[in-house]
Every structure is written in C-alpha cells, then in structure tokens.
N, C-alpha and C. Protein backbone atom coordinates (compact mmCIF):
# COMPACT_ATOMS: atom_id res chain seq x y z
N UNK A 1 0.71 -1.02 0.56
CA UNK A 1 0.52 0.44 0.03
C UNK A 1 0.82 1.26 -0.04
N UNK A 2 0.34 2.25 -0.83
CA UNK A 2 0.95 3.46 -1.04
C UNK A 2 0.62 4.73 -0.25
N UNK A 3 1.07 5.23 0.26
CA UNK A 3 0.85 6.74 1.06
C UNK A 3 -0.66 7.20 -0.10
N UNK A 4 -0.12 7.18 -1.19
CA UNK A 4 -1.87 8.30 -1.68
C UNK A 4 -3.18 6.86 -1.56
N UNK A 5 -3.17 6.01 -1.48
CA UNK A 5 -3.62 4.71 -1.11
C UNK A 5 -4.77 4.95 0.49
N UNK A 6 -3.41 4.97 0.69
CA UNK A 6 -3.74 4.95 2.55
C UNK A 6 -4.51 6.32 2.84
N UNK A 7 -4.40 7.04 1.98
CA UNK A 7 -5.13 8.71 2.76
C UNK A 7 -6.85 8.16 1.75
N UNK A 8 -6.60 7.41 1.01
CA UNK A 8 -7.98 7.43 0.16
C UNK A 8 -8.72 6.47 0.82
N UNK A 9 -8.02 5.61 1.17
CA UNK A 9 -8.80 4.16 2.89
C UNK A 9 -9.02 5.31 3.74
N UNK A 10 -8.40 6.39 4.22
CA UNK A 10 -8.59 6.99 5.61
C UNK A 10 -9.76 7.96 5.06
N UNK A 11 -9.86 8.51 3.75
CA UNK A 11 -11.06 9.37 3.36
C UNK A 11 -12.43 8.74 3.76
N UNK A 12 -12.60 7.34 3.27
CA UNK A 12 -14.08 6.60 3.78
C UNK A 12 -13.64 5.55 4.73
N UNK A 13 -13.06 6.28 5.71
CA UNK A 13 -13.11 5.64 6.67
C UNK A 13 -14.54 5.74 7.70
N UNK A 14 -15.61 6.53 7.62
CA UNK A 14 -16.64 6.23 8.19
C UNK A 14 -17.61 5.46 7.12
N UNK A 15 -17.34 5.30 5.94
CA UNK A 15 -18.13 4.76 5.24
C UNK A 15 -17.84 2.73 5.91
N UNK A 16 -16.17 2.70 6.03
CA UNK A 16 -15.99 1.17 6.45
C UNK A 16 -17.31 1.10 7.92
N UNK A 17 -16.25 1.60 8.90
CA UNK A 17 -17.29 1.36 9.73
C UNK A 17 -18.38 1.65 9.80
N UNK A 18 -19.79 2.25 8.83
CA UNK A 18 -20.88 1.76 8.62
C UNK A 18 -21.04 0.39 8.59
N UNK A 19 -20.02 -0.09 7.89
CA UNK A 19 -20.58 -1.52 7.28
C UNK A 19 -19.75 -2.62 8.65
N UNK A 20 -19.42 -2.15 9.57
CA UNK A 20 -18.79 -2.61 10.78
C UNK A 20 -17.34 -3.53 10.20
N UNK A 21 -16.62 -3.15 9.17
CA UNK A 21 -15.60 -3.10 9.22
C UNK A 21 -14.66 -2.84 9.06
N UNK A 22 -13.43 -3.85 9.63
CA UNK A 22 -12.23 -2.96 10.36
C UNK A 22 -11.12 -2.94 8.79
N UNK A 23 -10.04 -2.21 8.35
CA UNK A 23 -9.43 -2.29 7.64
C UNK A 23 -7.47 -2.63 9.03
N UNK A 24 -7.32 -3.52 8.45
CA UNK A 24 -5.67 -4.04 8.84
C UNK A 24 -4.78 -3.46 7.62
N UNK A 25 -3.84 -2.93 8.02
CA UNK A 25 -3.05 -2.48 7.01
C UNK A 25 -1.79 -3.78 7.38
N UNK A 26 -1.44 -4.38 6.52
CA UNK A 26 -0.32 -5.53 6.56
C UNK A 26 1.09 -4.73 5.56
N UNK A 27 2.11 -4.61 6.11
CA UNK A 27 3.27 -4.53 5.46
C UNK A 27 4.53 -5.50 5.93
N UNK A 28 5.14 -5.56 4.49
CA UNK A 28 6.41 -6.81 4.32
C UNK A 28 7.58 -6.24 5.34
N UNK A 29 7.21 -5.37 5.94
CA UNK A 29 8.37 -4.78 5.97
C UNK A 29 8.95 -4.70 8.04
N UNK A 30 9.98 -3.80 8.33
CA UNK A 30 10.40 -4.03 10.13
C UNK A 30 8.99 -2.83 10.63
N UNK A 31 9.00 -3.49 11.83
CA UNK A 31 8.16 -3.01 12.83
C UNK A 31 8.57 -2.03 13.17
N UNK A 32 9.58 -0.94 13.13
CA UNK A 32 9.71 0.15 13.16
C UNK A 32 9.31 1.31 12.33
N UNK A 33 9.77 0.65 10.79
CA UNK A 33 9.07 1.49 9.72
C UNK A 33 7.99 1.65 9.77
N UNK A 34 6.96 0.31 9.99
CA UNK A 34 5.73 0.04 10.01
C UNK A 34 5.10 1.06 10.83
N UNK A 35 5.31 1.33 12.36
CA UNK A 35 5.11 2.47 13.34
C UNK A 35 4.93 3.62 12.62
N UNK A 36 6.70 3.99 12.45
CA UNK A 36 7.15 5.25 11.75
C UNK A 36 6.00 5.55 10.60
N UNK A 37 5.66 4.98 9.50
CA UNK A 37 4.85 4.69 8.40
C UNK A 37 3.09 5.54 8.53
N UNK A 38 2.85 4.59 9.90
CA UNK A 38 1.70 4.65 10.53
C UNK A 38 1.10 6.28 11.65
N UNK A 39 2.55 6.63 12.12
CA UNK A 39 2.88 8.05 12.54
C UNK A 39 2.03 8.97 12.07
N UNK A 40 3.26 8.93 11.16
CA UNK A 40 3.65 10.01 10.13
C UNK A 40 1.95 10.36 8.92
N UNK A 41 1.42 9.10 8.53
CA UNK A 41 0.47 9.43 8.74
C UNK A 41 -0.98 9.96 9.30
N UNK A 42 -0.80 9.58 10.72
CA UNK A 42 -2.09 9.58 11.85
C UNK A 42 -2.85 8.98 11.32
N UNK A 43 -2.82 7.43 11.26
CA UNK A 43 -3.53 6.45 10.45
C UNK A 43 -4.79 6.47 11.53
N UNK A 44 -5.76 6.24 11.60
CA UNK A 44 -6.63 5.80 12.13
C UNK A 44 -7.08 3.95 12.16
N UNK A 45 -6.23 3.38 11.34
CA UNK A 45 -6.14 1.93 10.88
C UNK A 45 -5.50 0.85 11.69
N UNK A 46 -5.30 -0.35 12.08
CA UNK A 46 -4.54 -1.10 12.69
C UNK A 46 -3.49 -1.33 11.65
N UNK A 47 -2.20 -1.15 12.04
CA UNK A 47 -0.86 -1.22 11.42
C UNK A 47 -0.20 -2.92 11.52
N UNK A 48 0.11 -4.65 11.08
CA UNK A 48 0.61 -4.71 11.39
C UNK A 48 2.13 -4.82 10.44
N UNK A 49 2.94 -5.42 10.94
CA UNK A 49 4.15 -5.84 10.49
C UNK A 49 4.23 -7.33 9.73
N UNK A 50 4.94 -7.42 8.86
CA UNK A 50 5.08 -8.72 8.13
C UNK A 50 6.69 -8.69 7.76
N UNK A 51 7.20 -8.37 8.10
CA UNK A 51 8.77 -8.45 7.89
C UNK A 51 9.37 -10.20 7.10
N UNK A 52 9.17 -11.27 7.29
CA UNK A 52 9.27 -11.67 7.00
C UNK A 52 8.71 -12.65 6.04
N UNK A 53 7.26 -11.52 5.18
CA UNK A 53 6.53 -11.88 4.35
C UNK A 53 5.68 -12.86 4.08
N UNK A 54 5.40 -13.48 5.68
CA UNK A 54 4.76 -15.11 5.78
C UNK A 54 3.78 -14.58 5.46
N UNK A 55 2.61 -13.57 6.26
CA UNK A 55 1.45 -13.64 5.83
C UNK A 55 1.46 -13.20 4.17
N UNK A 56 2.17 -12.11 3.88
CA UNK A 56 2.47 -11.42 2.45
C UNK A 56 2.82 -13.69 1.18
N UNK A 57 3.00 -13.72 2.14
CA UNK A 57 3.31 -15.05 1.18
C UNK A 57 1.92 -16.39 1.00
N UNK A 58 1.68 -16.07 1.87
CA UNK A 58 0.03 -16.73 2.34
C UNK A 58 -0.55 -16.25 1.19
N UNK A 59 -0.92 -15.04 0.91
CA UNK A 59 -1.67 -14.84 0.03
C UNK A 59 -1.21 -14.23 -1.04
N UNK A 60 0.02 -15.33 -1.54
CA UNK A 60 0.14 -15.04 -2.93
C UNK A 60 0.71 -13.46 -3.21
N UNK A 61 0.99 -12.36 -2.32
CA UNK A 61 1.64 -11.25 -3.11
C UNK A 61 2.77 -10.80 -2.64
N UNK A 62 3.92 -11.60 -2.03
CA UNK A 62 4.85 -11.20 -1.49
C UNK A 62 6.37 -11.04 -2.02
N UNK A 63 6.79 -9.82 -1.68
CA UNK A 63 7.94 -9.19 -2.48
C UNK A 63 8.10 -9.49 -4.20
N UNK A 64 6.87 -8.95 -4.37
CA UNK A 64 7.36 -9.22 -6.59
C UNK A 64 7.45 -8.04 -7.37
N UNK A 65 7.85 -6.93 -6.41
CA UNK A 65 7.77 -6.38 -7.64
C UNK A 65 8.92 -4.94 -7.15
N UNK A 66 9.42 -4.26 -7.22
CA UNK A 66 10.52 -3.21 -6.76
C UNK A 66 10.47 -1.79 -7.01
N UNK A 67 10.53 -0.88 -6.00
CA UNK A 67 9.94 0.28 -6.13
C UNK A 67 10.81 0.75 -5.21
N UNK A 68 11.92 1.79 -6.38
CA UNK A 68 12.72 2.59 -5.18
C UNK A 68 13.69 1.99 -4.63
N UNK A 69 14.21 1.04 -5.95
CA UNK A 69 15.64 0.41 -5.24
C UNK A 69 14.74 -0.92 -4.14
N UNK A 70 13.51 -1.59 -4.04
CA UNK A 70 13.40 -2.11 -2.14
C UNK A 70 12.47 -3.52 -3.26
N UNK A 71 12.40 -4.53 -2.82
CA UNK A 71 11.28 -4.92 -3.11
C UNK A 71 10.60 -5.41 -2.49
N UNK A 72 9.16 -5.55 -2.14
CA UNK A 72 7.96 -5.17 -1.88
C UNK A 72 6.93 -5.83 -2.31
N UNK A 73 6.49 -5.83 -1.22
CA UNK A 73 4.82 -7.23 -1.79
C UNK A 73 3.63 -6.22 -2.93
N UNK A 74 3.61 -7.44 -3.89
CA UNK A 74 2.41 -6.65 -4.82
C UNK A 74 1.14 -5.59 -3.93
N UNK A 75 0.65 -4.48 -5.03
CA UNK A 75 -0.31 -4.64 -4.30
C UNK A 75 -1.71 -5.24 -4.11
N UNK A 76 -2.17 -5.21 -2.45
CA UNK A 76 -3.19 -6.06 -2.89
C UNK A 76 -4.54 -5.12 -1.96
N UNK A 77 -5.67 -6.21 -2.21
CA UNK A 77 -6.60 -5.86 -0.86
C UNK A 77 -7.67 -7.47 -0.98
N UNK A 78 -7.48 -7.61 0.33
CA UNK A 78 -8.72 -8.84 0.64
C UNK A 78 -9.89 -8.13 2.02
N UNK A 79 -10.69 -9.50 1.43
CA UNK A 79 -11.92 -8.78 2.27
C UNK A 79 -11.85 -10.72 3.13
N UNK A 80 -12.28 -10.37 4.36
CA UNK A 80 -11.75 -11.85 5.20
C UNK A 80 -13.60 -11.57 5.86
N UNK A 81 -13.63 -12.47 6.02
CA UNK A 81 -15.58 -12.10 6.76
C UNK A 81 -14.96 -12.19 8.75
N UNK A 82 -16.27 -12.00 9.60
CA UNK A 82 -15.84 -12.46 11.01
C UNK A 82 -15.31 -14.01 11.05
N UNK A 83 -15.64 -14.87 10.12
CA UNK A 83 -15.70 -16.31 10.72
C UNK A 83 -13.73 -16.77 9.69
N UNK A 84 -13.41 -15.27 9.27
CA UNK A 84 -12.44 -15.93 9.22
C UNK A 84 -12.08 -16.27 7.25
N UNK A 85 -12.95 -16.15 6.26
CA UNK A 85 -12.83 -16.89 4.97
C UNK A 85 -12.84 -15.38 4.35
N UNK A 86 -11.72 -15.88 3.47
CA UNK A 86 -11.73 -14.76 2.03
C UNK A 86 -12.58 -14.91 1.41
N UNK A 87 -13.29 -13.50 1.15
CA UNK A 87 -14.76 -13.48 0.15
C UNK A 87 -14.42 -12.44 -1.04
N UNK A 88 -13.42 -11.43 -0.72
CA UNK A 88 -13.00 -11.41 -1.96
C UNK A 88 -11.33 -10.86 -1.81
N UNK A 89 -10.67 -11.08 -3.14
CA UNK A 89 -9.28 -10.48 -3.26
C UNK A 89 -8.66 -9.75 -4.86
N UNK A 90 -7.98 -8.90 -4.28
CA UNK A 90 -8.08 -8.15 -5.50
C UNK A 90 -6.90 -7.63 -5.71
N UNK A 91 -5.80 -7.91 -6.71
CA UNK A 91 -4.45 -8.48 -7.04
C UNK A 91 -4.12 -7.50 -8.12
N UNK A 92 -2.94 -6.18 -8.01
CA UNK A 92 -2.47 -5.31 -8.38
C UNK A 92 -1.49 -5.92 -9.23
N UNK A 93 -0.95 -5.25 -10.44
CA UNK A 93 0.59 -5.52 -10.46
C UNK A 93 0.90 -4.80 -10.33
N UNK A 94 0.94 -3.61 -9.90
CA UNK A 94 2.13 -2.78 -9.51
C UNK A 94 1.75 -1.44 -9.83
N UNK A 95 2.94 -0.78 -10.44
CA UNK A 95 2.25 0.77 -11.26
C UNK A 95 1.69 0.70 -12.06
N UNK A 96 0.48 1.19 -12.62
CA UNK A 96 0.59 2.61 -11.64
C UNK A 96 -0.81 2.65 -10.93
N UNK A 97 -1.62 3.62 -10.42
CA UNK A 97 -2.00 3.45 -8.83
C UNK A 97 -3.31 2.68 -9.54
N UNK A 98 -4.14 2.72 -10.58
CA UNK A 98 -5.15 2.17 -11.62
C UNK A 98 -5.72 0.83 -10.87
N UNK A 99 -3.96 0.34 -10.73
CA UNK A 99 -3.79 -1.31 -9.57
C UNK A 99 -4.06 -1.58 -8.87
N UNK A 100 -4.43 -0.21 -8.33
CA UNK A 100 -4.98 -0.60 -6.77
C UNK A 100 -6.63 -0.43 -6.57
N UNK A 101 -7.03 -1.72 -5.48
CA UNK A 101 -8.59 -1.46 -5.30
C UNK A 101 -8.44 -0.06 -4.48
N UNK A 102 -9.71 0.51 -5.48
CA UNK A 102 -10.42 1.51 -4.56
C UNK A 102 -10.92 1.40 -3.25
N UNK A 103 -11.11 2.66 -2.33
CA UNK A 103 -12.46 2.31 -1.20
C UNK A 103 -13.72 2.06 -2.05
N UNK A 104 -14.03 2.49 -2.97
CA UNK A 104 -15.16 2.21 -3.78
C UNK A 104 -15.74 1.01 -4.02
N UNK A 105 -14.70 -0.18 -5.22
CA UNK A 105 -14.36 -1.24 -5.30
C UNK A 105 -14.76 -1.78 -3.84
N UNK A 106 -13.98 -1.51 -2.89
CA UNK A 106 -13.82 -2.66 -1.45
C UNK A 106 -15.48 -2.11 -0.55
N UNK A 107 -16.01 -1.31 -0.73
CA UNK A 107 -17.49 -1.46 0.01
C UNK A 107 -18.47 -1.36 -1.47
N UNK A 108 -18.29 -1.59 -2.21
CA UNK A 108 -19.26 -2.78 -3.28
C UNK A 108 -19.00 -3.78 -2.62
N UNK A 109 -17.61 -4.50 -2.60
CA UNK A 109 -17.64 -5.97 -2.44
C UNK A 109 -18.34 -6.48 -0.64
N UNK A 110 -18.33 -5.08 0.37
CA UNK A 110 -18.44 -5.10 1.57
C UNK A 110 -20.39 -5.53 1.53
N UNK A 111 -20.57 -4.50 0.48
CA UNK A 111 -22.54 -4.99 0.17
C UNK A 111 -22.93 -6.32 -0.46
N UNK A 112 -21.90 -6.96 -0.72
CA UNK A 112 -22.38 -8.82 -1.03
C UNK A 112 -23.00 -9.70 -0.24
C-alpha cells in the first residue's frame, strides 16, 4: 500500500465503519518502519508488520515488485469475513495507481 492509497482509505473510514468493517494494513517491512509510517500519516487503522513476508506469502503477494530500489509485496486488498473466510481478493500488478483497489471497490464488495 502506498501513501496515496492509504489516504484514500482514510477518507472513506466512516463508510467502512458503517459497514462494520475493520481495515488492517499489513506491510512486509520491519516493525519500526511500519510504526513510523503509521505515525507519519496519523492513520486510524491497525498496522501489522510482516518482515518475513509470511502473511504476504500466504496470500500470494510476497515481495514481487521493485519500488524505489526495494522489493515490496504486490499491491493487494482482501476482504475476510468474521469467520475468517476470504470473500474477495484484488491483486494489482504494481504501478500505476489504477492497479489498486479503490475504497469504492472494497465497499461495493462488502455490500455483497
């Protein structure tokens, strides 16, 4: 997830709350980097660090593209219901931003 994508999600935060949805940001970076990013953007979401890319690998997106000379996970978004069942998966290929799921896309799938 990039800064712009996170800002868009933050702007839609109330709409996600109305759907009783929690957003978890999982970043395959070290904990201190993830914490600094969250604090810099003053995000209301829960951020989780996945430095070994274990979670990312389980979802098939682990460190597959290079951005700014660094391997990062593919941009992706998942909807997992309260029973832990994967209900929706969006896999981007990288840049540009159009490859990312929009808040409107996610909200539409939540409504299903």
